[in-house]
Amino acid sequence: MIISSVGIAGLGLIGGSIAKSIRHQSPEIRICGFDFPDILKKAESQKVIDESYYRSDKLLECDLIILSLPIYSSLNLFEELFPQLNENQILIDVCSVKSIFSKTKKKYKSRGKYIGLHPMAGKEKSGFENSDYLLFENAVCFVCDDERNEQTDTVLNFLNSTGLRFTFIDAEVHDKIVAEVSHLPQLVSVALVNSVSKNKDGFSFINFSGSGFRDMTRIASSDFILWKEIIQANKQNIISSLNDFKDQIDSLIGNLESDDYDSLDSKFESANKNRNEIPFNNKGFIQPLYDITVFLEDKAGTLNRLTSILANNNLNIKDIELLKIREGSGGNFRLYFDSAESAQKAYQILKENNFAANLSTGK
């Protein structure tokens, strides 16, 4: 089977990034999009897609159909399109909950092929405007397919160019894992920010939070519109994860109430050990960035000089954050890069140009 055309329903962060990656790596592939008219117009103007579809059934003209809408919208399209596939068509969804699709699949007969994929990559900000053809580089992608065959391999070989690394898994096991490593952290981050957002005697507690707190709660800025259906579709697994986490909190409270600092020490040691076992080069649901901190004097043109030096050495700053500043003296900036190699190179170049810089250890 040869894939010569791809129809993507939903050109948001994930669908848009898939389209951009295919366009970048395989410009000969015909890419068609199904979404709101304004998004389709933007995608066409940027030459990310070749044709806009305003009816969902038009997707049946493509060899590979990718569902990248919110979960229940994707599920509705799945129910519409899956029974109409011919033997040479493949339908995949890239939603973050898989059991709901595998269970629905059993209700229908189809001559075509269905595969459930979940790329473990993302950003805090959604939408086509934030999509990136490099989003999936080195990202794990779960594959849920009870009937692996030649068509499965065709799709995975086709998507290899996006940078995804594929791992086969049962749909129900997948949903338990993502409840722990994605959905639980999202809700805990929301709860942590809301818990700290207190006011007393004219002081707003959260105003005194530092970079560590911001790093821990970065995903609290996520849009509930995107999360609502994920939480609904994986509710029972999330409740189980929250109860396990509640047990951990209760245990910490018990240790403190009984002055059991040996147990606290053991918890810190265990957490440190377990965290250090996380593969540092793996992308999770939030794309990791590699950073250095730089002190810049409070002088006109200093920041411009820094960015020019890096640009002249083909180093792209993915993000920049002002940490501290003192008027008349200067401030500390954190510069983010998309790889450890880029951060190391930037650090060396800035040191050579007499900037005061520190390289993050990444742990």
Protein backbone atom coordinates (compact mmCIF):
# COMPACT_ATOMS: atom_id res chain seq x y z
CA MET A 1 0.00 0.00 0.00
CA ILE A 2 1.24 3.49 -0.90
CA ILE A 3 0.03 6.60 0.96
CA SER A 4 -0.21 9.49 -1.47
CA SER A 5 -2.91 11.59 0.23
CA VAL A 6 -3.64 12.47 3.85
CA GLY A 7 -6.82 14.00 5.26
CA ILE A 8 -6.51 15.60 8.69
CA ALA A 9 -9.59 16.46 10.74
CA GLY A 10 -8.51 19.12 13.21
CA LEU A 11 -5.56 21.39 12.47
CA GLY A 12 -4.83 22.43 16.04
CA LEU A 13 -1.52 21.93 17.82
CA ILE A 14 -1.26 18.18 17.11
CA GLY A 15 -3.05 17.99 13.74
CA GLY A 16 -1.32 21.14 12.50
CA SER A 17 2.08 19.83 13.60
CA ILE A 18 1.46 16.53 11.81
CA ALA A 19 0.52 18.41 8.65
CA LYS A 20 3.59 20.65 8.86
CA SER A 21 5.89 17.70 9.51
CA ILE A 22 4.53 15.71 6.55
CA ARG A 23 4.75 18.80 4.34
CA HIS A 24 8.34 19.44 5.41
CA GLN A 25 9.54 15.86 4.97
CA SER A 26 7.33 14.71 2.08
CA PRO A 27 6.23 17.71 -0.02
CA GLU A 28 4.86 15.39 -2.72
CA ILE A 29 2.11 14.12 -0.40
CA ARG A 30 -1.30 15.71 -0.91
CA ILE A 31 -2.59 17.04 2.41
CA CYS A 32 -6.23 17.99 2.93
CA GLY A 33 -7.71 19.59 6.03
CA PHE A 34 -11.09 19.60 7.72
CA ASP A 35 -11.65 22.32 10.31
CA PHE A 36 -13.23 25.74 10.80
CA PRO A 37 -13.02 27.98 7.69
CA ASP A 38 -10.66 30.53 9.28
CA ILE A 39 -8.20 27.81 10.29
CA LEU A 40 -8.34 26.17 6.86
CA LYS A 41 -7.73 29.55 5.21
CA LYS A 42 -4.66 30.09 7.38
CA ALA A 43 -3.32 26.58 6.68
CA GLU A 44 -3.82 27.00 2.93
CA SER A 45 -2.19 30.44 2.90
CA GLN A 46 0.88 28.95 4.60
CA LYS A 47 0.84 26.08 2.08
CA VAL A 48 0.54 23.53 4.90
CA ILE A 49 -2.47 21.93 3.21
CA ASP A 50 -3.35 21.60 -0.47
CA GLU A 51 -7.12 21.58 -0.14
CA SER A 52 -9.74 22.57 2.42
CA TYR A 53 -12.63 20.24 3.18
CA TYR A 54 -15.85 21.75 4.48
CA ARG A 55 -17.67 18.41 4.65
CA SER A 56 -16.41 15.52 6.74
CA ASP A 57 -17.27 12.90 4.12
CA LYS A 58 -14.69 14.47 1.78
CA LEU A 59 -12.03 12.90 4.01
CA LEU A 60 -12.98 9.56 2.44
CA GLU A 61 -11.13 10.68 -0.70
CA CYS A 62 -7.78 10.24 1.13
CA ASP A 63 -5.61 7.15 1.66
CA LEU A 64 -4.86 8.03 5.27
CA ILE A 65 -7.37 9.82 7.50
CA ILE A 66 -6.15 11.34 10.78
CA LEU A 67 -8.66 12.37 13.45
CA SER A 68 -7.18 15.14 15.59
CA LEU A 69 -10.29 16.87 16.89
CA PRO A 70 -11.32 16.85 20.57
CA ILE A 71 -12.11 13.32 21.77
CA TYR A 72 -15.87 13.21 21.32
CA SER A 73 -15.80 15.09 18.02
CA SER A 74 -13.18 12.62 16.80
CA LEU A 75 -15.29 9.74 18.07
CA ASN A 76 -18.34 11.01 16.16
CA LEU A 77 -16.26 11.24 12.99
CA PHE A 78 -14.87 7.78 13.66
CA GLU A 79 -18.40 6.37 13.78
CA GLU A 80 -19.25 8.17 10.55
CA LEU A 81 -16.16 7.28 8.52
CA PHE A 82 -14.92 3.91 9.77
CA PRO A 83 -17.78 1.82 8.29
CA GLN A 84 -17.27 3.51 4.89
CA LEU A 85 -13.55 2.80 4.48
CA ASN A 86 -12.38 0.63 1.60
CA GLU A 87 -9.69 -2.02 1.95
CA ASN A 88 -6.95 0.43 0.94
CA GLN A 89 -7.78 3.12 3.49
CA ILE A 90 -6.47 3.61 6.99
CA LEU A 91 -8.09 5.67 9.74
CA ILE A 92 -6.15 6.75 12.82
CA ASP A 93 -6.94 8.95 15.76
CA VAL A 94 -4.33 10.80 17.80
CA CYS A 95 -6.44 11.50 20.89
CA SER A 96 -5.02 11.06 24.39
CA VAL A 97 -7.59 8.48 25.56
CA LYS A 98 -7.71 5.22 23.61
CA SER A 99 -10.14 2.73 25.23
CA ILE A 100 -13.17 4.70 24.10
CA PHE A 101 -12.13 4.20 20.46
CA SER A 102 -11.19 0.54 20.76
CA LYS A 103 -14.56 -0.22 22.37
CA THR A 104 -16.47 1.74 19.73
CA LYS A 105 -14.57 -0.03 16.93
CA LYS A 106 -16.08 -3.35 18.00
CA LYS A 107 -19.58 -2.06 17.17
CA TYR A 108 -18.84 -1.59 13.47
CA LYS A 109 -17.74 -3.58 10.46
CA SER A 110 -15.34 -2.03 8.01
CA ARG A 111 -13.15 -3.07 5.09
CA GLY A 112 -10.61 -0.48 6.15
CA LYS A 113 -8.00 -0.37 8.89
CA TYR A 114 -8.10 1.50 12.22
CA ILE A 115 -5.08 2.29 14.41
CA GLY A 116 -5.09 4.27 17.64
CA LEU A 117 -2.08 6.55 18.10
CA HIS A 118 -1.16 8.91 20.89
CA PRO A 119 1.89 11.13 20.34
CA MET A 120 3.24 12.13 23.75
CA ALA A 121 4.13 15.68 22.82
CA GLY A 122 2.52 19.03 23.32
CA LYS A 123 2.77 22.57 24.57
CA GLU A 124 0.90 24.73 27.05
CA LYS A 125 -0.57 26.72 24.17
CA SER A 126 -2.83 25.10 21.62
CA GLY A 127 -4.05 26.00 18.15
CA PHE A 128 -2.69 25.94 14.64
CA GLU A 129 -0.62 29.06 15.27
CA ASN A 130 1.43 27.12 17.85
CA SER A 131 1.90 24.00 15.72
CA ASP A 132 5.48 23.07 14.84
CA TYR A 133 6.91 20.54 12.39
CA LEU A 134 9.55 19.59 15.00
CA LEU A 135 7.03 18.98 17.78
CA PHE A 136 7.31 15.19 17.53
CA GLU A 137 11.09 14.87 17.27
CA ASN A 138 12.11 12.00 19.59
CA ALA A 139 8.63 11.90 21.12
CA VAL A 140 7.15 8.58 22.24
CA CYS A 141 3.99 7.62 20.39
CA PHE A 142 1.74 4.92 21.81
CA VAL A 143 0.24 2.54 19.24
CA CYS A 144 -2.98 0.69 20.08
CA ASP A 145 -3.68 -1.94 17.45
CA ASP A 146 -5.16 -5.35 18.21
CA GLU A 147 -4.64 -6.52 14.63
CA ARG A 148 -1.13 -5.46 13.64
CA ASN A 149 -0.50 -6.18 9.97
CA GLU A 150 1.18 -4.77 6.86
CA GLN A 151 -1.05 -1.70 6.93
CA THR A 152 0.08 -0.94 10.48
CA ASP A 153 3.70 -1.01 9.38
CA THR A 154 2.86 1.14 6.35
CA VAL A 155 1.42 3.88 8.57
CA LEU A 156 4.28 3.79 11.08
CA ASN A 157 6.90 3.85 8.34
CA PHE A 158 5.10 6.78 6.77
CA LEU A 159 5.03 8.69 10.08
CA ASN A 160 8.66 7.89 10.93
CA SER A 161 9.65 11.13 9.23
CA THR A 162 7.84 13.12 11.94
CA GLY A 163 10.43 11.95 14.49
CA LEU A 164 7.98 9.84 16.52
CA ARG A 165 9.18 6.69 18.29
CA PHE A 166 6.50 4.02 18.45
CA THR A 167 5.56 1.79 21.39
CA PHE A 168 2.78 -0.81 21.11
CA ILE A 169 0.43 -0.99 24.07
CA ASP A 170 -3.03 -2.19 25.07
CA ALA A 171 -5.59 0.62 25.02
CA GLU A 172 -6.72 0.11 28.61
CA VAL A 173 -3.15 -0.01 29.92
CA HIS A 174 -2.45 3.17 27.96
CA ASP A 175 -5.31 4.98 29.65
CA LYS A 176 -4.08 3.97 33.11
CA ILE A 177 -0.57 5.23 32.31
CA VAL A 178 -1.64 8.61 30.95
CA ALA A 179 -3.94 9.10 33.94
CA GLU A 180 -0.81 8.90 36.11
CA VAL A 181 1.77 10.76 34.06
CA SER A 182 -0.38 13.37 32.32
CA HIS A 183 -3.89 13.79 33.68
CA LEU A 184 -2.96 13.62 37.37
CA PRO A 185 -0.13 16.21 37.04
CA GLN A 186 -2.50 18.54 35.21
CA LEU A 187 -5.10 18.46 37.98
CA VAL A 188 -2.51 18.59 40.76
CA SER A 189 -0.92 21.63 39.11
CA VAL A 190 -4.30 23.37 39.01
CA ALA A 191 -4.94 22.49 42.67
CA LEU A 192 -1.47 23.68 43.74
CA VAL A 193 -1.85 27.09 42.12
CA ASN A 194 -5.32 27.56 43.57
CA SER A 195 -4.11 26.46 47.01
CA VAL A 196 -1.23 28.96 47.03
CA SER A 197 -3.33 31.85 45.71
CA LYS A 198 -4.09 33.23 49.17
CA ASN A 199 -4.09 36.77 50.50
CA LYS A 200 -3.34 37.90 54.04
CA ASP A 201 -2.65 41.35 55.48
CA GLY A 202 -2.39 42.79 51.98
CA PHE A 203 0.11 40.18 50.78
CA SER A 204 -0.66 37.96 47.81
CA PHE A 205 1.26 34.76 48.53
CA ILE A 206 1.67 33.78 44.90
CA ASN A 207 3.48 37.04 44.13
CA PHE A 208 6.44 35.67 46.08
CA SER A 209 6.72 32.41 44.16
CA GLY A 210 9.98 31.77 42.34
CA SER A 211 11.06 29.99 39.19
CA GLY A 212 10.77 26.58 40.86
CA PHE A 213 7.08 27.14 41.55
CA ARG A 214 6.54 28.40 37.99
CA ASP A 215 8.27 25.32 36.59
CA MET A 216 6.12 23.01 38.73
CA THR A 217 2.89 24.70 37.72
CA ARG A 218 3.54 25.53 34.08
CA ILE A 219 0.71 23.29 32.89
CA ALA A 220 -1.81 24.98 35.19
CA SER A 221 -2.21 27.51 32.37
CA SER A 222 -3.73 24.85 30.12
CA ASP A 223 -7.18 25.51 28.68
CA PHE A 224 -10.01 23.59 30.36
CA ILE A 225 -11.89 23.49 27.05
CA LEU A 226 -9.18 21.11 25.82
CA TRP A 227 -9.04 19.13 29.05
CA LYS A 228 -12.74 18.69 29.74
CA GLU A 229 -13.29 15.84 27.29
CA ILE A 230 -10.02 14.14 28.23
CA ILE A 231 -11.06 14.12 31.88
CA GLN A 232 -14.55 12.88 31.02
CA ALA A 233 -13.27 10.09 28.80
CA ASN A 234 -10.73 8.83 31.37
CA LYS A 235 -12.60 9.75 34.55
CA GLN A 236 -12.34 6.48 36.47
CA ASN A 237 -8.59 6.11 35.92
CA ILE A 238 -8.07 9.74 36.97
CA ILE A 239 -10.12 9.27 40.15
CA SER A 240 -7.98 6.24 41.00
CA SER A 241 -4.79 8.25 40.41
CA LEU A 242 -6.07 11.14 42.55
CA ASN A 243 -6.91 8.74 45.40
CA ASP A 244 -3.39 7.27 45.25
CA PHE A 245 -1.97 10.79 45.33
CA LYS A 246 -4.25 11.68 48.26
CA ASP A 247 -2.76 8.71 50.14
CA GLN A 248 0.71 10.19 49.54
CA ILE A 249 -0.43 13.58 50.90
CA ASP A 250 -2.03 11.94 53.95
CA SER A 251 1.20 10.05 54.59
CA LEU A 252 3.21 13.29 54.48
CA ILE A 253 0.81 14.93 56.92
CA GLY A 254 1.13 11.93 59.24
CA ASN A 255 4.94 12.11 59.11
CA LEU A 256 4.86 15.80 60.04
CA GLU A 257 2.33 15.40 62.82
CA SER A 258 4.42 12.64 64.41
CA ASP A 259 7.78 14.34 63.73
CA ASP A 260 8.78 11.28 61.71
CA TYR A 261 11.58 12.92 59.74
CA ASP A 262 13.24 9.58 58.99
CA SER A 263 10.22 8.64 56.87
CA LEU A 264 10.31 12.05 55.18
CA ASP A 265 13.98 11.51 54.44
CA SER A 266 13.14 8.15 52.88
CA LYS A 267 10.42 9.76 50.72
CA PHE A 268 12.84 12.43 49.49
CA GLU A 269 15.47 9.81 48.70
CA SER A 270 12.96 7.62 46.85
CA ALA A 271 11.62 10.56 44.84
CA ASN A 272 15.13 11.66 43.91
CA LYS A 273 16.04 8.15 42.76
CA ASN A 274 12.84 7.66 40.78
CA ARG A 275 13.02 11.05 39.10
CA ASN A 276 16.60 10.48 38.02
CA GLU A 277 15.43 7.37 36.19
CA ILE A 278 13.20 9.42 33.89
CA PRO A 279 14.79 9.29 30.39
CA PHE A 280 16.03 12.85 29.96
CA ASN A 281 15.95 12.73 26.15
CA ASN A 282 12.30 11.68 26.00
CA LYS A 283 9.59 14.17 25.27
CA GLY A 284 6.54 13.93 27.42
CA PHE A 285 3.28 15.76 27.11
CA ILE A 286 5.07 19.05 27.53
CA GLN A 287 8.06 19.44 25.29
CA PRO A 288 11.25 19.71 27.40
CA LEU A 289 13.58 22.61 26.80
CA TYR A 290 17.22 23.01 27.78
CA ASP A 291 18.26 26.25 29.40
CA ILE A 292 21.06 28.53 30.47
CA THR A 293 20.91 31.63 32.65
CA VAL A 294 22.69 34.81 31.65
CA PHE A 295 23.28 38.08 33.50
CA LEU A 296 22.81 41.13 31.28
CA GLU A 297 23.90 44.61 32.26
CA ASP A 298 21.26 47.35 32.24
CA LYS A 299 22.65 48.96 29.10
CA ALA A 300 20.97 49.70 25.79
CA GLY A 301 21.71 47.08 23.15
CA THR A 302 22.98 44.35 25.50
CA LEU A 303 20.13 41.95 24.79
CA ASN A 304 20.35 42.69 21.08
CA ARG A 305 24.10 41.89 21.14
CA LEU A 306 23.41 38.55 22.85
CA THR A 307 20.70 37.47 20.41
CA SER A 308 22.79 38.57 17.43
CA ILE A 309 25.77 36.50 18.58
CA LEU A 310 23.58 33.41 18.94
CA ALA A 311 21.82 34.00 15.62
CA ASN A 312 25.17 34.36 13.85
CA ASN A 313 26.06 30.92 15.20
CA ASN A 314 22.76 29.39 13.99
CA LEU A 315 21.41 29.00 17.52
CA ASN A 316 17.70 29.54 17.92
CA ILE A 317 16.32 30.67 21.29
CA LYS A 318 13.05 28.80 21.81
CA ASP A 319 11.97 30.94 24.77
CA ILE A 320 13.34 33.64 27.04
CA GLU A 321 12.39 34.48 30.61
CA LEU A 322 13.38 37.42 32.81
CA LEU A 323 14.11 36.02 36.28
CA LYS A 324 15.37 39.00 38.28
CA ILE A 325 16.27 42.58 37.47
CA ARG A 326 17.71 45.53 39.38
CA GLU A 327 17.42 48.92 37.69
CA GLY A 328 20.79 50.44 36.93
CA SER A 329 22.55 47.12 37.43
CA GLY A 330 21.03 44.40 35.25
CA GLY A 331 19.08 41.20 35.35
CA ASN A 332 19.18 37.43 35.03
CA PHE A 333 17.59 35.93 31.94
CA ARG A 334 16.86 32.29 31.28
CA LEU A 335 17.32 31.21 27.66
CA TYR A 336 15.67 28.01 26.44
CA PHE A 337 16.90 25.80 23.58
CA ASP A 338 15.46 22.71 21.94
CA SER A 339 18.43 20.43 22.62
CA ALA A 340 21.16 19.90 25.18
CA GLU A 341 23.73 20.34 22.39
CA SER A 342 22.36 23.76 21.46
CA ALA A 343 22.33 24.89 25.08
CA GLN A 344 25.93 23.71 25.57
CA LYS A 345 27.08 25.48 22.41
CA ALA A 346 25.26 28.68 23.38
CA TYR A 347 26.84 28.59 26.83
CA GLN A 348 30.35 28.22 25.40
CA ILE A 349 29.85 31.00 22.83
CA LEU A 350 28.44 33.42 25.41
CA LYS A 351 31.31 32.72 27.81
CA GLU A 352 33.77 33.37 24.98
CA ASN A 353 32.04 36.73 24.43
CA ASN A 354 32.37 37.68 28.12
CA PHE A 355 28.77 37.05 29.18
CA ALA A 356 28.19 35.73 32.68
CA ALA A 357 26.33 32.50 31.96
CA ASN A 358 25.43 29.30 33.79
CA LEU A 359 24.42 26.02 32.16
CA SER A 360 21.51 24.00 33.57
CA THR A 361 22.34 20.43 34.53
CA GLY A 362 18.96 19.27 33.12
CA LYS A 363 17.99 17.39 36.28
